[in-house]
C-alpha atoms as a PDB file:
ATOM      1  CA  MET A   1    -253.026  98.181 -57.242  1.00  0.00           C
ATOM      2  CA  GLY A   2    -250.538  95.051 -58.173  1.00  0.00           C
ATOM      3  CA  TYR A   3    -253.449  92.130 -58.452  1.00  0.00           C
ATOM      4  CA  LYS A   4    -257.190  91.934 -57.026  1.00  0.00           C
ATOM      5  CA  VAL A   5    -259.083  88.835 -56.573  1.00  0.00           C
ATOM      6  CA  PHE A   6    -262.386  89.379 -56.144  1.00  0.00           C
ATOM      7  CA  LEU A   7    -265.390  86.532 -55.771  1.00  0.00           C
ATOM      8  CA  ALA A   8    -263.376  83.776 -57.170  1.00  0.00           C
ATOM      9  CA  LYS A   9    -265.912  80.939 -57.100  1.00  0.00           C
ATOM     10  CA  LEU A  10    -265.478  77.117 -56.050  1.00  0.00           C
ATOM     11  CA  SER A  11    -263.979  75.990 -59.472  1.00  0.00           C
ATOM     12  CA  ASP A  12    -261.334  78.852 -58.908  1.00  0.00           C
ATOM     13  CA  GLU A  13    -257.864  77.963 -57.667  1.00  0.00           C
ATOM     14  CA  VAL A  14    -256.137  81.203 -56.827  1.00  0.00           C
ATOM     15  CA  ARG A  15    -251.994  81.049 -57.172  1.00  0.00           C
ATOM     16  CA  ILE A  16    -250.042  84.384 -57.454  1.00  0.00           C
ATOM     17  CA  ARG A  17    -246.669  83.673 -57.253  1.00  0.00           C
ATOM     18  CA  HIS A  18    -243.308  84.603 -58.234  1.00  0.00           C
ATOM     19  CA  ASN A  19    -243.866  87.889 -59.111  1.00  0.00           C
ATOM     20  CA  GLU A  20    -242.237  91.599 -58.160  1.00  0.00           C
ATOM     21  CA  ILE A  21    -244.640  94.194 -57.292  1.00  0.00           C
ATOM     22  CA  GLU A  22    -244.723  98.240 -57.078  1.00  0.00           C
ATOM     23  CA  SER A  23    -247.921  99.624 -55.807  1.00  0.00           C
ATOM     24  CA  ASN A  24    -249.296 102.842 -54.432  1.00  0.00           C
ATOM     25  CA  GLN A  25    -252.159 100.829 -52.725  1.00  0.00           C
ATOM     26  CA  ASN A  26    -252.637  97.184 -51.797  1.00  0.00           C
ATOM     27  CA  GLY A  27    -249.810  94.915 -53.437  1.00  0.00           C
ATOM     28  CA  ILE A  28    -252.303  91.879 -53.213  1.00  0.00           C
ATOM     29  CA  ASP A  29    -256.075  93.084 -52.666  1.00  0.00           C
ATOM     30  CA  LEU A  30    -258.158  89.664 -51.970  1.00  0.00           C
ATOM     31  CA  ARG A  31    -261.611  89.781 -51.272  1.00  0.00           C
ATOM     32  CA  PHE A  32    -264.736  88.006 -50.429  1.00  0.00           C
ATOM     33  CA  ASN A  33    -263.295  84.532 -52.115  1.00  0.00           C
ATOM     34  CA  ASP A  34    -265.319  82.311 -49.716  1.00  0.00           C
ATOM     35  CA  ALA A  35    -265.578  79.876 -52.712  1.00  0.00           C
ATOM     36  CA  SER A  36    -262.194  79.417 -53.646  1.00  0.00           C
ATOM     37  CA  PRO A  37    -260.706  75.902 -52.646  1.00  0.00           C
ATOM     38  CA  ASN A  38    -257.562  77.447 -52.165  1.00  0.00           C
ATOM     39  CA  LEU A  39    -255.335  80.689 -52.170  1.00  0.00           C
ATOM     40  CA  VAL A  40    -251.887  80.870 -52.441  1.00  0.00           C
ATOM     41  CA  ILE A  41    -249.701  83.594 -52.149  1.00  0.00           C
ATOM     42  CA  TRP A  42    -246.440  82.245 -52.585  1.00  0.00           C
ATOM     43  CA  ASP A  43    -242.614  84.009 -52.924  1.00  0.00           C
ATOM     44  CA  ASN A  44    -243.432  87.452 -53.911  1.00  0.00           C
ATOM     45  CA  VAL A  45    -241.747  90.728 -53.801  1.00  0.00           C
ATOM     46  CA  ILE A  46    -244.026  93.618 -52.876  1.00  0.00           C
ATOM     47  CA  GLU A  47    -243.250  97.247 -52.199  1.00  0.00           C
ATOM     48  CA  PHE A  48    -246.151  99.362 -51.756  1.00  0.00           C
ATOM     49  CA  GLY A  49    -247.770 102.760 -49.545  1.00  0.00           C
ATOM     50  CA  ASP A  50    -247.405 106.511 -50.966  1.00  0.00           C
ATOM     51  CA  ASN A  51    -248.200 109.836 -49.322  1.00  0.00           C
ATOM     52  CA  SER A  52    -252.049 109.802 -49.008  1.00  0.00           C
ATOM     53  CA  THR A  53    -253.814 109.302 -45.902  1.00  0.00           C
ATOM     54  CA  ASN A  54    -255.260 106.254 -46.382  1.00  0.00           C
ATOM     55  CA  LYS A  55    -253.966 102.347 -44.778  1.00  0.00           C
ATOM     56  CA  TYR A  56    -252.750 100.085 -47.274  1.00  0.00           C
ATOM     57  CA  SER A  57    -251.249  96.389 -46.963  1.00  0.00           C
ATOM     58  CA  GLY A  58    -248.811  94.477 -48.691  1.00  0.00           C
ATOM     59  CA  ILE A  59    -251.444  91.816 -48.869  1.00  0.00           C
ATOM     60  CA  ASN A  60    -254.663  92.549 -47.662  1.00  0.00           C
ATOM     61  CA  VAL A  61    -257.368  89.562 -47.431  1.00  0.00           C
ATOM     62  CA  ASP A  62    -260.908  90.434 -46.602  1.00  0.00           C
ATOM     63  CA  GLY A  63    -264.189  87.849 -46.311  1.00  0.00           C
ATOM     64  CA  ALA A  64    -262.266  84.750 -47.059  1.00  0.00           C
ATOM     65  CA  ASN A  65    -263.900  82.440 -44.483  1.00  0.00           C
ATOM     66  CA  LEU A  66    -262.796  78.910 -45.868  1.00  0.00           C
ATOM     67  CA  SER A  67    -263.936  75.589 -44.955  1.00  0.00           C
ATOM     68  CA  GLN A  68    -260.574  73.894 -45.855  1.00  0.00           C
ATOM     69  CA  PRO A  69    -257.724  74.540 -42.967  1.00  0.00           C
ATOM     70  CA  GLY A  70    -254.155  74.704 -44.460  1.00  0.00           C
ATOM     71  CA  ALA A  71    -255.423  74.908 -48.254  1.00  0.00           C
ATOM     72  CA  SER A  72    -254.889  78.552 -48.350  1.00  0.00           C
ATOM     73  CA  ARG A  73    -251.307  80.096 -47.576  1.00  0.00           C
ATOM     74  CA  ILE A  74    -249.415  83.086 -47.383  1.00  0.00           C
ATOM     75  CA  THR A  75    -245.448  81.893 -47.651  1.00  0.00           C
ATOM     76  CA  PHE A  76    -242.214  83.607 -48.771  1.00  0.00           C
ATOM     77  CA  ASN A  77    -243.402  86.590 -49.685  1.00  0.00           C
ATOM     78  CA  THR A  78    -240.869  89.862 -49.259  1.00  0.00           C
ATOM     79  CA  ILE A  79    -243.158  92.674 -47.921  1.00  0.00           C
ATOM     80  CA  ASN A  80    -241.003  95.979 -48.615  1.00  0.00           C
ATOM     81  CA  TYR A  81    -242.721  99.720 -47.163  1.00  0.00           C
ATOM     82  CA  ARG A  82    -241.838 102.127 -49.358  1.00  0.00           C
ATOM     83  CA  ALA A  83    -239.331 105.084 -47.535  1.00  0.00           C
ATOM     84  CA  GLY A  84    -241.630 107.808 -46.358  1.00  0.00           C
ATOM     85  CA  ALA A  85    -244.685 106.392 -47.198  1.00  0.00           C
ATOM     86  CA  THR A  86    -247.665 107.467 -44.864  1.00  0.00           C
ATOM     87  CA  SER A  87    -250.275 105.022 -46.633  1.00  0.00           C
ATOM     88  CA  ALA A  88    -248.140 101.651 -45.930  1.00  0.00           C
ATOM     89  CA  PHE A  89    -250.086 100.680 -43.156  1.00  0.00           C
ATOM     90  CA  ASN A  90    -250.051  96.459 -42.758  1.00  0.00           C
ATOM     91  CA  GLY A  91    -247.539  94.164 -44.219  1.00  0.00           C
ATOM     92  CA  ILE A  92    -250.284  91.380 -44.329  1.00  0.00           C
ATOM     93  CA  LYS A  93    -254.085  92.485 -42.914  1.00  0.00           C
ATOM     94  CA  LEU A  94    -256.196  89.094 -42.522  1.00  0.00           C
ATOM     95  CA  GLN A  95    -259.756  90.391 -41.874  1.00  0.00           C
ATOM     96  CA  GLY A  96    -263.045  88.257 -41.658  1.00  0.00           C
ATOM     97  CA  ALA A  97    -260.626  85.214 -43.268  1.00  0.00           C
ATOM     98  CA  SER A  98    -260.679  81.691 -41.812  1.00  0.00           C
ATOM     99  CA  TYR A  99    -258.001  79.141 -42.087  1.00  0.00           C
ATOM    100  CA  PHE A 100    -255.022  80.754 -43.465  1.00  0.00           C
ATOM    101  CA  GLN A 101    -251.086  79.682 -42.786  1.00  0.00           C
ATOM    102  CA  VAL A 102    -249.049  82.799 -43.170  1.00  0.00           C
ATOM    103  CA  SER A 103    -245.019  81.637 -42.468  1.00  0.00           C
ATOM    104  CA  LYS A 104    -242.023  82.450 -43.466  1.00  0.00           C
ATOM    105  CA  CYS A 105    -242.676  86.092 -44.717  1.00  0.00           C
ATOM    106  CA  THR A 106    -240.517  89.099 -44.248  1.00  0.00           C
ATOM    107  CA  LEU A 107    -241.452  92.191 -43.481  1.00  0.00           C
ATOM    108  CA  ASN A 108    -239.378  95.084 -43.790  1.00  0.00           C
ATOM    109  CA  MET A 109    -240.124  98.414 -42.036  1.00  0.00           C
END
């Protein structure tokens, strides 16, 4: 796992920027951060996956029903599926997430 942010509070502005991440699981994993005023995932290079039967994502957002449209962004990221990895499943996964802007990302499969 590269980065995991879980249950960010109202005062927590989450910014994950300018990183090179190599992960066998999710590269960036954001879970249940509804209270955060904004989540910014910007300009990261992520390589992910292994040879397990699991299903991982380069960037995973689960349960972030935010109240500020456009304040949370996934922008200018490059996501590389590891060659031959059977678990590299989703480049960017948003599940139960509202008001995210996703733009200008590159997915290399």
